[in-house]
Amino acid sequence: MADIEFYHSPNTRSSGVRVLLEELGVPYRLHALNMRAGEHLQDAYRAINPMAKVPAIRHGDALVTEQAAVYLYLADLFPEAGLAPALTEPARAAYLRWMVFYGSCFEPAVIDRHLKREPGPRALSAYADYDSVIARVTEALTPGPYLLGARFSAADILWGGALGWTTGFGLVEPTPVLTAYVERIRSRPASRKVAAEDAQLAEAHQAAASG
């Protein structure tokens, strides 16, 4: 049986990892951090992740932080779930690209645009320009239904959540292609289960922080 400790806070980037764990169907111990009360800033959690961010997982002697790294680690740890192409599969290349593209290109482009910051000279920019980033994502999703075509993978859990919050907050235009994709991922049982449980957890954290 898997011995996974999962450090999580609702309505954060770690929510996708919780969905991934549910999709994998593996047991885990949930450590819920009340970020509204600043628990992630305390020494106890900084010993887990000095950056004071979630998600983080501990599996035996392995401690994994950084969102994409956690996805990659877990999906590879349970190959029987089929959420990550094997090293010998051609689809592995596209899978890795999209797992890395989110943090290295998409999120910086979206945040810079939101804050009205220039990306900098092309030779120094990690993502070139915002329009190119969105165009590449849209191109990948247009054939559908998933980033790897007919195959659902851990990359879709990452991107379904990412596009959900960025379109929901108006940071990215909710085009028909992106909206349909977000709804496709949100409609999965694991996503619905985590959304309901995270809503309850967020309410409890808010009450605790306010009290």
N, C-alpha and C. Protein backbone atom coordinates (compact mmCIF):
# COMPACT_ATOMS: atom_id res chain seq x y z
N MET A 1 0.85 -1.20 0.00
CA MET A 1 0.00 0.00 0.00
C MET A 1 0.89 1.25 0.00
N ALA A 2 0.48 2.22 -0.78
CA ALA A 2 1.26 3.45 -0.88
C ALA A 2 1.29 4.19 0.46
N ASP A 3 2.43 4.76 0.77
CA ASP A 3 2.59 5.53 2.00
C ASP A 3 2.87 6.96 1.60
N ILE A 4 1.82 7.67 1.21
CA ILE A 4 1.95 9.03 0.67
C ILE A 4 1.36 10.02 1.66
N GLU A 5 2.16 10.99 2.04
CA GLU A 5 1.68 12.12 2.84
C GLU A 5 1.55 13.32 1.91
N PHE A 6 0.41 13.94 1.92
CA PHE A 6 0.10 15.01 0.98
C PHE A 6 -0.21 16.28 1.74
N TYR A 7 0.57 17.33 1.47
CA TYR A 7 0.39 18.63 2.12
C TYR A 7 -0.39 19.53 1.16
N HIS A 8 -1.52 20.02 1.65
CA HIS A 8 -2.52 20.62 0.77
C HIS A 8 -3.22 21.78 1.46
N SER A 9 -3.67 22.71 0.65
CA SER A 9 -4.57 23.77 1.11
C SER A 9 -5.61 23.98 0.03
N PRO A 10 -6.88 24.14 0.40
CA PRO A 10 -7.92 24.26 -0.62
C PRO A 10 -7.80 25.54 -1.44
N ASN A 11 -8.31 25.45 -2.66
CA ASN A 11 -8.31 26.60 -3.59
C ASN A 11 -6.90 27.10 -3.89
N THR A 12 -5.98 26.17 -4.00
CA THR A 12 -4.60 26.51 -4.37
C THR A 12 -4.16 25.55 -5.47
N ARG A 13 -2.91 25.67 -5.88
CA ARG A 13 -2.39 24.78 -6.92
C ARG A 13 -2.35 23.33 -6.46
N SER A 14 -2.44 23.08 -5.18
CA SER A 14 -2.41 21.70 -4.71
C SER A 14 -3.74 20.98 -4.91
N SER A 15 -4.79 21.71 -5.24
CA SER A 15 -6.09 21.06 -5.47
C SER A 15 -6.00 20.08 -6.63
N GLY A 16 -5.23 20.43 -7.65
CA GLY A 16 -5.05 19.53 -8.78
C GLY A 16 -4.36 18.24 -8.38
N VAL A 17 -3.41 18.32 -7.47
CA VAL A 17 -2.72 17.12 -7.00
C VAL A 17 -3.70 16.23 -6.23
N ARG A 18 -4.61 16.84 -5.51
CA ARG A 18 -5.62 16.05 -4.81
C ARG A 18 -6.51 15.32 -5.83
N VAL A 19 -6.84 16.00 -6.92
CA VAL A 19 -7.60 15.35 -7.98
C VAL A 19 -6.79 14.20 -8.57
N LEU A 20 -5.51 14.43 -8.81
CA LEU A 20 -4.65 13.39 -9.36
C LEU A 20 -4.63 12.16 -8.45
N LEU A 21 -4.49 12.37 -7.16
CA LEU A 21 -4.48 11.24 -6.22
C LEU A 21 -5.79 10.47 -6.27
N GLU A 22 -6.90 11.19 -6.42
CA GLU A 22 -8.19 10.52 -6.54
C GLU A 22 -8.29 9.75 -7.86
N GLU A 23 -7.79 10.34 -8.93
CA GLU A 23 -7.79 9.65 -10.23
C GLU A 23 -6.92 8.40 -10.18
N LEU A 24 -5.81 8.46 -9.46
CA LEU A 24 -4.93 7.31 -9.32
C LEU A 24 -5.55 6.22 -8.46
N GLY A 25 -6.47 6.63 -7.58
CA GLY A 25 -7.15 5.67 -6.72
C GLY A 25 -6.26 5.07 -5.66
N VAL A 26 -5.34 5.87 -5.13
CA VAL A 26 -4.40 5.37 -4.13
C VAL A 26 -4.66 6.05 -2.79
N PRO A 27 -4.40 5.36 -1.68
CA PRO A 27 -4.59 5.98 -0.37
C PRO A 27 -3.49 7.00 -0.08
N TYR A 28 -3.85 8.00 0.69
CA TYR A 28 -2.87 9.01 1.09
C TYR A 28 -3.32 9.65 2.40
N ARG A 29 -2.36 10.21 3.11
CA ARG A 29 -2.66 10.93 4.35
C ARG A 29 -2.66 12.42 4.05
N LEU A 30 -3.77 13.05 4.31
CA LEU A 30 -3.93 14.47 4.00
C LEU A 30 -3.49 15.33 5.17
N HIS A 31 -2.57 16.25 4.89
CA HIS A 31 -2.18 17.27 5.85
C HIS A 31 -2.72 18.59 5.32
N ALA A 32 -3.82 19.05 5.88
CA ALA A 32 -4.48 20.26 5.39
C ALA A 32 -3.92 21.47 6.12
N LEU A 33 -3.31 22.37 5.36
CA LEU A 33 -2.74 23.59 5.92
C LEU A 33 -3.73 24.73 5.78
N ASN A 34 -3.97 25.41 6.89
CA ASN A 34 -4.86 26.57 6.86
C ASN A 34 -4.03 27.80 6.49
N MET A 35 -4.00 28.12 5.22
CA MET A 35 -3.21 29.26 4.77
C MET A 35 -3.80 30.58 5.25
N ARG A 36 -5.09 30.60 5.46
CA ARG A 36 -5.71 31.83 5.98
C ARG A 36 -5.19 32.15 7.38
N ALA A 37 -4.79 31.11 8.09
CA ALA A 37 -4.23 31.30 9.43
C ALA A 37 -2.71 31.34 9.41
N GLY A 38 -2.12 31.23 8.22
CA GLY A 38 -0.67 31.32 8.09
C GLY A 38 0.09 30.07 8.46
N GLU A 39 -0.58 28.92 8.46
CA GLU A 39 0.11 27.69 8.87
C GLU A 39 1.25 27.32 7.93
N HIS A 40 1.14 27.72 6.68
CA HIS A 40 2.21 27.39 5.72
C HIS A 40 3.49 28.19 5.99
N LEU A 41 3.38 29.25 6.76
CA LEU A 41 4.54 30.10 7.06
C LEU A 41 5.26 29.68 8.34
N GLN A 42 4.71 28.73 9.05
CA GLN A 42 5.30 28.32 10.31
C GLN A 42 6.47 27.36 10.08
N ASP A 43 7.34 27.26 11.08
CA ASP A 43 8.56 26.45 10.96
C ASP A 43 8.25 24.99 10.63
N ALA A 44 7.16 24.46 11.15
CA ALA A 44 6.83 23.05 10.94
C ALA A 44 6.68 22.75 9.46
N TYR A 45 5.99 23.64 8.74
CA TYR A 45 5.84 23.37 7.31
C TYR A 45 7.06 23.83 6.51
N ARG A 46 7.72 24.86 6.94
CA ARG A 46 8.93 25.29 6.23
C ARG A 46 10.00 24.20 6.25
N ALA A 47 9.92 23.30 7.23
CA ALA A 47 10.84 22.16 7.25
C ALA A 47 10.51 21.19 6.12
N ILE A 48 9.27 21.20 5.67
CA ILE A 48 8.85 20.38 4.54
C ILE A 48 9.19 21.09 3.24
N ASN A 49 8.76 22.35 3.14
CA ASN A 49 9.05 23.16 1.95
C ASN A 49 9.46 24.55 2.40
N PRO A 50 10.74 24.86 2.34
CA PRO A 50 11.20 26.18 2.77
C PRO A 50 10.58 27.33 1.98
N MET A 51 10.02 27.04 0.81
CA MET A 51 9.35 28.08 0.02
C MET A 51 7.96 28.38 0.54
N ALA A 52 7.49 27.57 1.51
CA ALA A 52 6.17 27.77 2.13
C ALA A 52 5.04 27.70 1.11
N LYS A 53 5.18 26.79 0.13
CA LYS A 53 4.16 26.62 -0.89
C LYS A 53 3.59 25.21 -0.82
N VAL A 54 2.40 25.04 -1.36
CA VAL A 54 1.83 23.72 -1.59
C VAL A 54 1.67 23.58 -3.11
N PRO A 55 1.70 22.35 -3.61
CA PRO A 55 1.68 21.08 -2.91
C PRO A 55 3.07 20.60 -2.52
N ALA A 56 3.06 19.60 -1.64
CA ALA A 56 4.25 18.84 -1.32
C ALA A 56 3.79 17.43 -0.96
N ILE A 57 4.61 16.46 -1.27
CA ILE A 57 4.30 15.09 -0.87
C ILE A 57 5.55 14.46 -0.27
N ARG A 58 5.31 13.55 0.65
CA ARG A 58 6.38 12.72 1.19
C ARG A 58 6.01 11.27 0.92
N HIS A 59 6.94 10.55 0.31
CA HIS A 59 6.72 9.13 0.00
C HIS A 59 7.96 8.36 0.42
N GLY A 60 7.87 7.72 1.58
CA GLY A 60 9.06 7.08 2.13
C GLY A 60 10.12 8.12 2.42
N ASP A 61 11.30 7.94 1.85
CA ASP A 61 12.39 8.90 2.06
C ASP A 61 12.36 10.04 1.05
N ALA A 62 11.45 9.99 0.10
CA ALA A 62 11.38 11.02 -0.95
C ALA A 62 10.46 12.15 -0.52
N LEU A 63 10.95 13.37 -0.69
CA LEU A 63 10.15 14.56 -0.45
C LEU A 63 10.11 15.34 -1.76
N VAL A 64 8.91 15.55 -2.27
CA VAL A 64 8.76 16.19 -3.57
C VAL A 64 7.97 17.48 -3.42
N THR A 65 8.53 18.57 -3.90
CA THR A 65 7.84 19.85 -3.95
C THR A 65 7.86 20.34 -5.39
N GLU A 66 7.19 21.43 -5.64
CA GLU A 66 6.98 22.02 -6.96
C GLU A 66 5.91 21.24 -7.71
N GLN A 67 4.93 21.99 -8.16
CA GLN A 67 3.70 21.42 -8.72
C GLN A 67 3.95 20.37 -9.80
N ALA A 68 4.66 20.72 -10.85
CA ALA A 68 4.86 19.78 -11.95
C ALA A 68 5.64 18.55 -11.49
N ALA A 69 6.61 18.74 -10.61
CA ALA A 69 7.40 17.61 -10.12
C ALA A 69 6.52 16.62 -9.37
N VAL A 70 5.58 17.12 -8.59
CA VAL A 70 4.67 16.25 -7.84
C VAL A 70 3.80 15.45 -8.80
N TYR A 71 3.27 16.11 -9.82
CA TYR A 71 2.46 15.40 -10.83
C TYR A 71 3.27 14.30 -11.49
N LEU A 72 4.47 14.65 -11.95
CA LEU A 72 5.30 13.68 -12.66
C LEU A 72 5.65 12.49 -11.77
N TYR A 73 5.99 12.78 -10.54
CA TYR A 73 6.38 11.73 -9.61
C TYR A 73 5.22 10.76 -9.36
N LEU A 74 4.07 11.29 -9.06
CA LEU A 74 2.93 10.44 -8.71
C LEU A 74 2.43 9.64 -9.91
N ALA A 75 2.33 10.28 -11.06
CA ALA A 75 1.82 9.57 -12.24
C ALA A 75 2.76 8.44 -12.64
N ASP A 76 4.06 8.65 -12.50
CA ASP A 76 5.02 7.59 -12.81
C ASP A 76 5.05 6.51 -11.73
N LEU A 77 4.74 6.88 -10.50
CA LEU A 77 4.78 5.94 -9.39
C LEU A 77 3.72 4.86 -9.54
N PHE A 78 2.62 5.22 -10.20
CA PHE A 78 1.51 4.27 -10.36
C PHE A 78 1.18 4.09 -11.84
N PRO A 79 2.07 3.42 -12.58
CA PRO A 79 1.88 3.27 -14.02
C PRO A 79 0.62 2.51 -14.40
N GLU A 80 0.13 1.68 -13.49
CA GLU A 80 -1.06 0.89 -13.80
C GLU A 80 -2.30 1.77 -14.02
N ALA A 81 -2.27 3.00 -13.51
CA ALA A 81 -3.40 3.92 -13.71
C ALA A 81 -3.42 4.50 -15.12
N GLY A 82 -2.30 4.44 -15.81
CA GLY A 82 -2.25 4.90 -17.19
C GLY A 82 -2.30 6.40 -17.38
N LEU A 83 -1.93 7.16 -16.37
CA LEU A 83 -2.01 8.62 -16.47
C LEU A 83 -0.72 9.26 -16.95
N ALA A 84 0.30 8.45 -17.23
CA ALA A 84 1.55 8.97 -17.78
C ALA A 84 2.06 7.99 -18.82
N PRO A 85 2.33 8.45 -20.03
CA PRO A 85 2.93 7.55 -21.02
C PRO A 85 4.27 7.03 -20.52
N ALA A 86 4.57 5.80 -20.83
CA ALA A 86 5.83 5.19 -20.42
C ALA A 86 7.00 5.84 -21.17
N LEU A 87 8.20 5.62 -20.64
CA LEU A 87 9.39 6.22 -21.23
C LEU A 87 9.58 5.83 -22.70
N THR A 88 9.12 4.66 -23.07
CA THR A 88 9.31 4.17 -24.43
C THR A 88 8.19 4.57 -25.38
N GLU A 89 7.15 5.21 -24.88
CA GLU A 89 6.02 5.60 -25.74
C GLU A 89 6.29 6.95 -26.40
N PRO A 90 5.99 7.10 -27.69
CA PRO A 90 6.18 8.39 -28.35
C PRO A 90 5.39 9.53 -27.69
N ALA A 91 4.23 9.21 -27.11
CA ALA A 91 3.40 10.24 -26.47
C ALA A 91 4.07 10.85 -25.25
N ARG A 92 5.12 10.19 -24.75
CA ARG A 92 5.83 10.71 -23.58
C ARG A 92 6.40 12.10 -23.86
N ALA A 93 6.82 12.34 -25.09
CA ALA A 93 7.43 13.63 -25.44
C ALA A 93 6.43 14.76 -25.28
N ALA A 94 5.24 14.61 -25.85
CA ALA A 94 4.22 15.66 -25.73
C ALA A 94 3.76 15.80 -24.28
N TYR A 95 3.65 14.69 -23.59
CA TYR A 95 3.25 14.72 -22.18
C TYR A 95 4.22 15.56 -21.35
N LEU A 96 5.51 15.30 -21.52
CA LEU A 96 6.51 16.07 -20.76
C LEU A 96 6.49 17.54 -21.16
N ARG A 97 6.31 17.79 -22.44
CA ARG A 97 6.26 19.18 -22.89
C ARG A 97 5.16 19.95 -22.17
N TRP A 98 3.97 19.37 -22.13
CA TRP A 98 2.85 20.09 -21.53
C TRP A 98 2.95 20.17 -20.02
N MET A 99 3.56 19.21 -19.39
CA MET A 99 3.76 19.29 -17.95
C MET A 99 4.70 20.44 -17.59
N VAL A 100 5.70 20.68 -18.44
CA VAL A 100 6.68 21.74 -18.17
C VAL A 100 6.21 23.09 -18.71
N PHE A 101 5.49 23.08 -19.82
CA PHE A 101 5.05 24.31 -20.47
C PHE A 101 4.19 25.17 -19.54
N TYR A 102 3.42 24.52 -18.70
CA TYR A 102 2.55 25.29 -17.80
C TYR A 102 3.35 26.25 -16.92
N GLY A 103 4.31 25.72 -16.18
CA GLY A 103 5.06 26.56 -15.25
C GLY A 103 6.10 27.44 -15.90
N SER A 104 6.66 26.99 -17.02
CA SER A 104 7.75 27.75 -17.65
C SER A 104 7.25 28.81 -18.62
N CYS A 105 6.08 28.60 -19.20
CA CYS A 105 5.57 29.55 -20.21
C CYS A 105 4.20 30.12 -19.87
N PHE A 106 3.22 29.25 -19.64
CA PHE A 106 1.84 29.71 -19.49
C PHE A 106 1.65 30.62 -18.28
N GLU A 107 2.02 30.14 -17.11
CA GLU A 107 1.76 30.96 -15.92
C GLU A 107 2.54 32.27 -15.92
N PRO A 108 3.83 32.28 -16.27
CA PRO A 108 4.53 33.58 -16.34
C PRO A 108 3.90 34.53 -17.35
N ALA A 109 3.45 34.00 -18.50
CA ALA A 109 2.83 34.86 -19.51
C ALA A 109 1.53 35.46 -19.00
N VAL A 110 0.73 34.65 -18.34
CA VAL A 110 -0.56 35.12 -17.82
C VAL A 110 -0.36 36.16 -16.73
N ILE A 111 0.56 35.90 -15.81
CA ILE A 111 0.80 36.84 -14.71
C ILE A 111 1.38 38.15 -15.22
N ASP A 112 2.33 38.07 -16.13
CA ASP A 112 2.90 39.30 -16.70
C ASP A 112 1.83 40.13 -17.38
N ARG A 113 0.98 39.49 -18.13
CA ARG A 113 -0.09 40.21 -18.84
C ARG A 113 -1.05 40.85 -17.85
N HIS A 114 -1.40 40.11 -16.81
CA HIS A 114 -2.32 40.63 -15.80
C HIS A 114 -1.73 41.85 -15.09
N LEU A 115 -0.44 41.80 -14.82
CA LEU A 115 0.23 42.90 -14.11
C LEU A 115 0.74 43.99 -15.05
N LYS A 116 0.42 43.79 -16.36
CA LYS A 116 0.82 44.77 -17.38
C LYS A 116 2.34 44.94 -17.43
N ARG A 117 3.03 43.82 -17.31
CA ARG A 117 4.49 43.82 -17.41
C ARG A 117 4.91 43.31 -18.77
N GLU A 118 5.90 43.93 -19.34
CA GLU A 118 6.44 43.47 -20.62
C GLU A 118 7.22 42.17 -20.40
N PRO A 119 7.16 41.24 -21.35
CA PRO A 119 7.89 39.98 -21.17
C PRO A 119 9.39 40.14 -21.25
N GLY A 120 9.87 41.27 -21.71
CA GLY A 120 11.31 41.47 -21.86
C GLY A 120 11.75 41.09 -23.25
N PRO A 121 12.99 41.35 -23.59
CA PRO A 121 13.51 40.99 -24.91
C PRO A 121 13.30 39.50 -25.19
N ARG A 122 12.99 39.16 -26.44
CA ARG A 122 12.68 37.78 -26.78
C ARG A 122 13.81 36.83 -26.39
N ALA A 123 15.03 37.26 -26.52
CA ALA A 123 16.17 36.40 -26.19
C ALA A 123 16.24 36.08 -24.70
N LEU A 124 15.59 36.90 -23.87
CA LEU A 124 15.64 36.71 -22.42
C LEU A 124 14.33 36.16 -21.86
N SER A 125 13.26 36.20 -22.65
CA SER A 125 11.96 35.79 -22.16
C SER A 125 11.81 34.27 -22.19
N ALA A 126 11.26 33.72 -21.12
CA ALA A 126 11.05 32.27 -21.07
C ALA A 126 9.90 31.82 -21.95
N TYR A 127 9.01 32.74 -22.30
CA TYR A 127 7.80 32.35 -23.04
C TYR A 127 7.59 33.11 -24.34
N ALA A 128 8.44 34.00 -24.71
CA ALA A 128 8.35 34.79 -25.96
C ALA A 128 7.26 35.84 -25.86
N ASP A 129 5.99 35.45 -26.07
CA ASP A 129 4.89 36.42 -25.94
C ASP A 129 3.60 35.69 -25.60
N TYR A 130 2.69 36.43 -24.98
CA TYR A 130 1.45 35.85 -24.47
C TYR A 130 0.62 35.21 -25.58
N ASP A 131 0.43 35.90 -26.68
CA ASP A 131 -0.42 35.38 -27.75
C ASP A 131 0.09 34.05 -28.29
N SER A 132 1.41 33.91 -28.39
CA SER A 132 1.97 32.65 -28.87
C SER A 132 1.68 31.52 -27.90
N VAL A 133 1.78 31.81 -26.62
CA VAL A 133 1.51 30.80 -25.59
C VAL A 133 0.07 30.30 -25.70
N ILE A 134 -0.89 31.23 -25.75
CA ILE A 134 -2.29 30.84 -25.82
C ILE A 134 -2.58 30.11 -27.13
N ALA A 135 -1.95 30.54 -28.20
CA ALA A 135 -2.15 29.88 -29.50
C ALA A 135 -1.70 28.43 -29.46
N ARG A 136 -0.55 28.17 -28.79
CA ARG A 136 -0.06 26.79 -28.74
C ARG A 136 -0.99 25.91 -27.91
N VAL A 137 -1.49 26.44 -26.81
CA VAL A 137 -2.42 25.67 -25.98
C VAL A 137 -3.70 25.37 -26.76
N THR A 138 -4.22 26.38 -27.44
CA THR A 138 -5.45 26.20 -28.20
C THR A 138 -5.27 25.20 -29.32
N GLU A 139 -4.14 25.26 -30.01
CA GLU A 139 -3.84 24.30 -31.07
C GLU A 139 -3.83 22.88 -30.54
N ALA A 140 -3.23 22.69 -29.39
CA ALA A 140 -3.13 21.35 -28.82
C ALA A 140 -4.49 20.80 -28.42
N LEU A 141 -5.38 21.69 -27.99
CA LEU A 141 -6.68 21.25 -27.50
C LEU A 141 -7.76 21.20 -28.58
N THR A 142 -7.52 21.80 -29.72
CA THR A 142 -8.55 21.87 -30.76
C THR A 142 -8.95 20.49 -31.29
N PRO A 143 -8.00 19.57 -31.56
CA PRO A 143 -8.45 18.24 -32.01
C PRO A 143 -9.26 17.53 -30.93
N GLY A 144 -8.81 17.68 -29.66
CA GLY A 144 -9.49 17.11 -28.51
C GLY A 144 -9.48 15.58 -28.51
N PRO A 145 -10.08 15.02 -27.47
CA PRO A 145 -10.65 15.77 -26.34
C PRO A 145 -9.62 16.18 -25.29
N TYR A 146 -8.39 15.60 -25.40
CA TYR A 146 -7.38 15.88 -24.39
C TYR A 146 -6.08 16.34 -25.03
N LEU A 147 -5.11 16.72 -24.23
CA LEU A 147 -3.84 17.20 -24.74
C LEU A 147 -3.11 16.15 -25.56
N LEU A 148 -3.29 14.88 -25.20
CA LEU A 148 -2.67 13.78 -25.94
C LEU A 148 -3.67 13.11 -26.86
N GLY A 149 -4.63 13.86 -27.33
CA GLY A 149 -5.65 13.30 -28.22
C GLY A 149 -6.71 12.56 -27.43
N ALA A 150 -6.89 11.29 -27.75
CA ALA A 150 -7.94 10.51 -27.08
C ALA A 150 -7.53 10.07 -25.68
N ARG A 151 -6.26 10.22 -25.36
CA ARG A 151 -5.76 9.71 -24.08
C ARG A 151 -5.79 10.77 -22.99
N PHE A 152 -6.48 10.49 -21.91
CA PHE A 152 -6.50 11.34 -20.72
C PHE A 152 -5.24 11.06 -19.91
N SER A 153 -4.59 12.13 -19.44
CA SER A 153 -3.35 11.96 -18.68
C SER A 153 -3.30 12.95 -17.52
N ALA A 154 -2.25 12.81 -16.72
CA ALA A 154 -2.04 13.73 -15.61
C ALA A 154 -1.90 15.17 -16.10
N ALA A 155 -1.41 15.35 -17.32
CA ALA A 155 -1.28 16.70 -17.87
C ALA A 155 -2.64 17.38 -17.97
N ASP A 156 -3.69 16.62 -18.24
CA ASP A 156 -5.02 17.21 -18.34
C ASP A 156 -5.54 17.67 -16.98
N ILE A 157 -5.15 16.97 -15.93
CA ILE A 157 -5.55 17.41 -14.60
C ILE A 157 -4.89 18.75 -14.28
N LEU A 158 -3.61 18.85 -14.60
CA LEU A 158 -2.89 20.11 -14.39
C LEU A 158 -3.52 21.24 -15.20
N TRP A 159 -3.72 21.01 -16.49
CA TRP A 159 -4.22 22.07 -17.37
C TRP A 159 -5.69 22.35 -17.18
N GLY A 160 -6.47 21.36 -16.84
CA GLY A 160 -7.89 21.61 -16.58
C GLY A 160 -8.07 22.57 -15.42
N GLY A 161 -7.28 22.36 -14.36
CA GLY A 161 -7.33 23.27 -13.22
C GLY A 161 -6.78 24.64 -13.55
N ALA A 162 -5.66 24.67 -14.27
CA ALA A 162 -5.01 25.94 -14.60
C ALA A 162 -5.91 26.81 -15.48
N LEU A 163 -6.48 26.22 -16.51
CA LEU A 163 -7.35 26.98 -17.39
C LEU A 163 -8.66 27.32 -16.70
N GLY A 164 -9.08 26.49 -15.76
CA GLY A 164 -10.29 26.79 -15.01
C GLY A 164 -10.17 28.07 -14.20
N TRP A 165 -9.05 28.19 -13.45
CA TRP A 165 -8.93 29.38 -12.61
C TRP A 165 -8.54 30.61 -13.41
N THR A 166 -7.76 30.45 -14.47
CA THR A 166 -7.36 31.64 -15.23
C THR A 166 -8.50 32.19 -16.08
N THR A 167 -9.32 31.32 -16.64
CA THR A 167 -10.49 31.84 -17.37
C THR A 167 -11.55 32.32 -16.39
N GLY A 168 -11.66 31.65 -15.25
CA GLY A 168 -12.66 32.05 -14.25
C GLY A 168 -12.41 33.43 -13.68
N PHE A 169 -11.15 33.80 -13.53
CA PHE A 169 -10.80 35.11 -13.01
C PHE A 169 -10.55 36.14 -14.11
N GLY A 170 -10.83 35.77 -15.34
CA GLY A 170 -10.69 36.72 -16.44
C GLY A 170 -9.26 36.98 -16.86
N LEU A 171 -8.33 36.12 -16.46
CA LEU A 171 -6.94 36.30 -16.85
C LEU A 171 -6.67 35.77 -18.26
N VAL A 172 -7.49 34.83 -18.68
CA VAL A 172 -7.42 34.26 -20.02
C VAL A 172 -8.82 34.28 -20.61
N GLU A 173 -8.92 34.64 -21.88
CA GLU A 173 -10.24 34.68 -22.52
C GLU A 173 -10.85 33.29 -22.57
N PRO A 174 -12.07 33.12 -22.10
CA PRO A 174 -12.71 31.80 -22.10
C PRO A 174 -13.29 31.45 -23.47
N THR A 175 -12.44 31.11 -24.40
CA THR A 175 -12.88 30.74 -25.75
C THR A 175 -13.65 29.43 -25.70
N PRO A 176 -14.43 29.13 -26.73
CA PRO A 176 -15.18 27.86 -26.74
C PRO A 176 -14.30 26.63 -26.55
N VAL A 177 -13.12 26.62 -27.18
CA VAL A 177 -12.22 25.46 -27.06
C VAL A 177 -11.76 25.29 -25.61
N LEU A 178 -11.33 26.37 -24.99
CA LEU A 178 -10.83 26.29 -23.62
C LEU A 178 -11.96 25.99 -22.64
N THR A 179 -13.11 26.62 -22.83
CA THR A 179 -14.24 26.40 -21.93
C THR A 179 -14.72 24.96 -21.97
N ALA A 180 -14.81 24.40 -23.18
CA ALA A 180 -15.25 23.01 -23.31
C ALA A 180 -14.27 22.06 -22.64
N TYR A 181 -13.00 22.36 -22.78
CA TYR A 181 -11.97 21.51 -22.16
C TYR A 181 -12.06 21.56 -20.64
N VAL A 182 -12.20 22.76 -20.09
CA VAL A 182 -12.31 22.90 -18.63
C VAL A 182 -13.51 22.11 -18.11
N GLU A 183 -14.64 22.24 -18.78
CA GLU A 183 -15.84 21.53 -18.34
C GLU A 183 -15.67 20.02 -18.45
N ARG A 184 -14.95 19.59 -19.48
CA ARG A 184 -14.68 18.16 -19.66
C ARG A 184 -13.91 17.60 -18.47
N ILE A 185 -12.92 18.36 -18.00
CA ILE A 185 -12.12 17.89 -16.87
C ILE A 185 -12.90 18.03 -15.57
N ARG A 186 -13.61 19.11 -15.40
CA ARG A 186 -14.37 19.32 -14.17
C ARG A 186 -15.51 18.32 -13.99
N SER A 187 -15.98 17.75 -15.07
CA SER A 187 -17.11 16.82 -14.99
C SER A 187 -16.70 15.43 -14.55
N ARG A 188 -15.42 15.16 -14.48
CA ARG A 188 -14.97 13.85 -14.06
C ARG A 188 -15.26 13.64 -12.57
N PRO A 189 -15.60 12.43 -12.17
CA PRO A 189 -15.96 12.18 -10.77
C PRO A 189 -14.91 12.63 -9.76
N ALA A 190 -13.63 12.42 -10.06
CA ALA A 190 -12.58 12.82 -9.12
C ALA A 190 -12.57 14.33 -8.92
N SER A 191 -12.76 15.08 -10.01
CA SER A 191 -12.78 16.54 -9.91
C SER A 191 -13.97 17.02 -9.10
N ARG A 192 -15.12 16.42 -9.32
CA ARG A 192 -16.31 16.82 -8.57
C ARG A 192 -16.16 16.50 -7.08
N LYS A 193 -15.58 15.35 -6.80
CA LYS A 193 -15.39 14.95 -5.40
C LYS A 193 -14.46 15.92 -4.67
N VAL A 194 -13.34 16.24 -5.30
CA VAL A 194 -12.38 17.16 -4.66
C VAL A 194 -12.97 18.56 -4.54
N ALA A 195 -13.70 19.02 -5.53
CA ALA A 195 -14.31 20.36 -5.46
C ALA A 195 -15.24 20.45 -4.26
N ALA A 196 -16.04 19.42 -4.02
CA ALA A 196 -16.97 19.44 -2.89
C ALA A 196 -16.23 19.39 -1.56
N GLU A 197 -15.21 18.51 -1.47
CA GLU A 197 -14.48 18.38 -0.22
C GLU A 197 -13.62 19.62 0.07
N ASP A 198 -13.05 20.20 -0.98
CA ASP A 198 -12.26 21.42 -0.79
C ASP A 198 -13.13 22.59 -0.37
N ALA A 199 -14.36 22.64 -0.86
CA ALA A 199 -15.26 23.72 -0.47
C ALA A 199 -15.56 23.64 1.03
N GLN A 200 -15.76 22.45 1.54
CA GLN A 200 -16.00 22.27 2.97
C GLN A 200 -14.76 22.61 3.78
N LEU A 201 -13.61 22.19 3.27
CA LEU A 201 -12.35 22.48 3.97
C LEU A 201 -12.07 23.97 3.99
N ALA A 202 -12.31 24.65 2.89
CA ALA A 202 -12.09 26.09 2.83
C ALA A 202 -13.01 26.83 3.81
N GLU A 203 -14.23 26.36 3.91
CA GLU A 203 -15.18 26.99 4.85
C GLU A 203 -14.71 26.80 6.29
N ALA A 204 -14.22 25.60 6.60
CA ALA A 204 -13.72 25.34 7.96
C ALA A 204 -12.48 26.19 8.25
N HIS A 205 -11.61 26.32 7.27
CA HIS A 205 -10.40 27.15 7.47
C HIS A 205 -10.75 28.61 7.67
N GLN A 206 -11.74 29.09 6.92
CA GLN A 206 -12.15 30.48 7.06
C GLN A 206 -12.73 30.72 8.45
N ALA A 207 -13.54 29.79 8.92
CA ALA A 207 -14.15 29.93 10.24
C ALA A 207 -13.08 29.91 11.32
N ALA A 208 -12.09 29.01 11.18
CA ALA A 208 -11.03 28.92 12.17
C ALA A 208 -10.17 30.17 12.19
N ALA A 209 -9.86 30.69 11.00
CA ALA A 209 -9.04 31.89 10.93
C ALA A 209 -9.77 33.11 11.47
N SER A 210 -11.08 33.16 11.26
CA SER A 210 -11.88 34.30 11.71
C SER A 210 -12.12 34.26 13.21
N GLY A 211 -12.12 33.04 13.76
CA GLY A 211 -12.41 32.90 15.20
C GLY A 211 -11.22 33.21 16.04
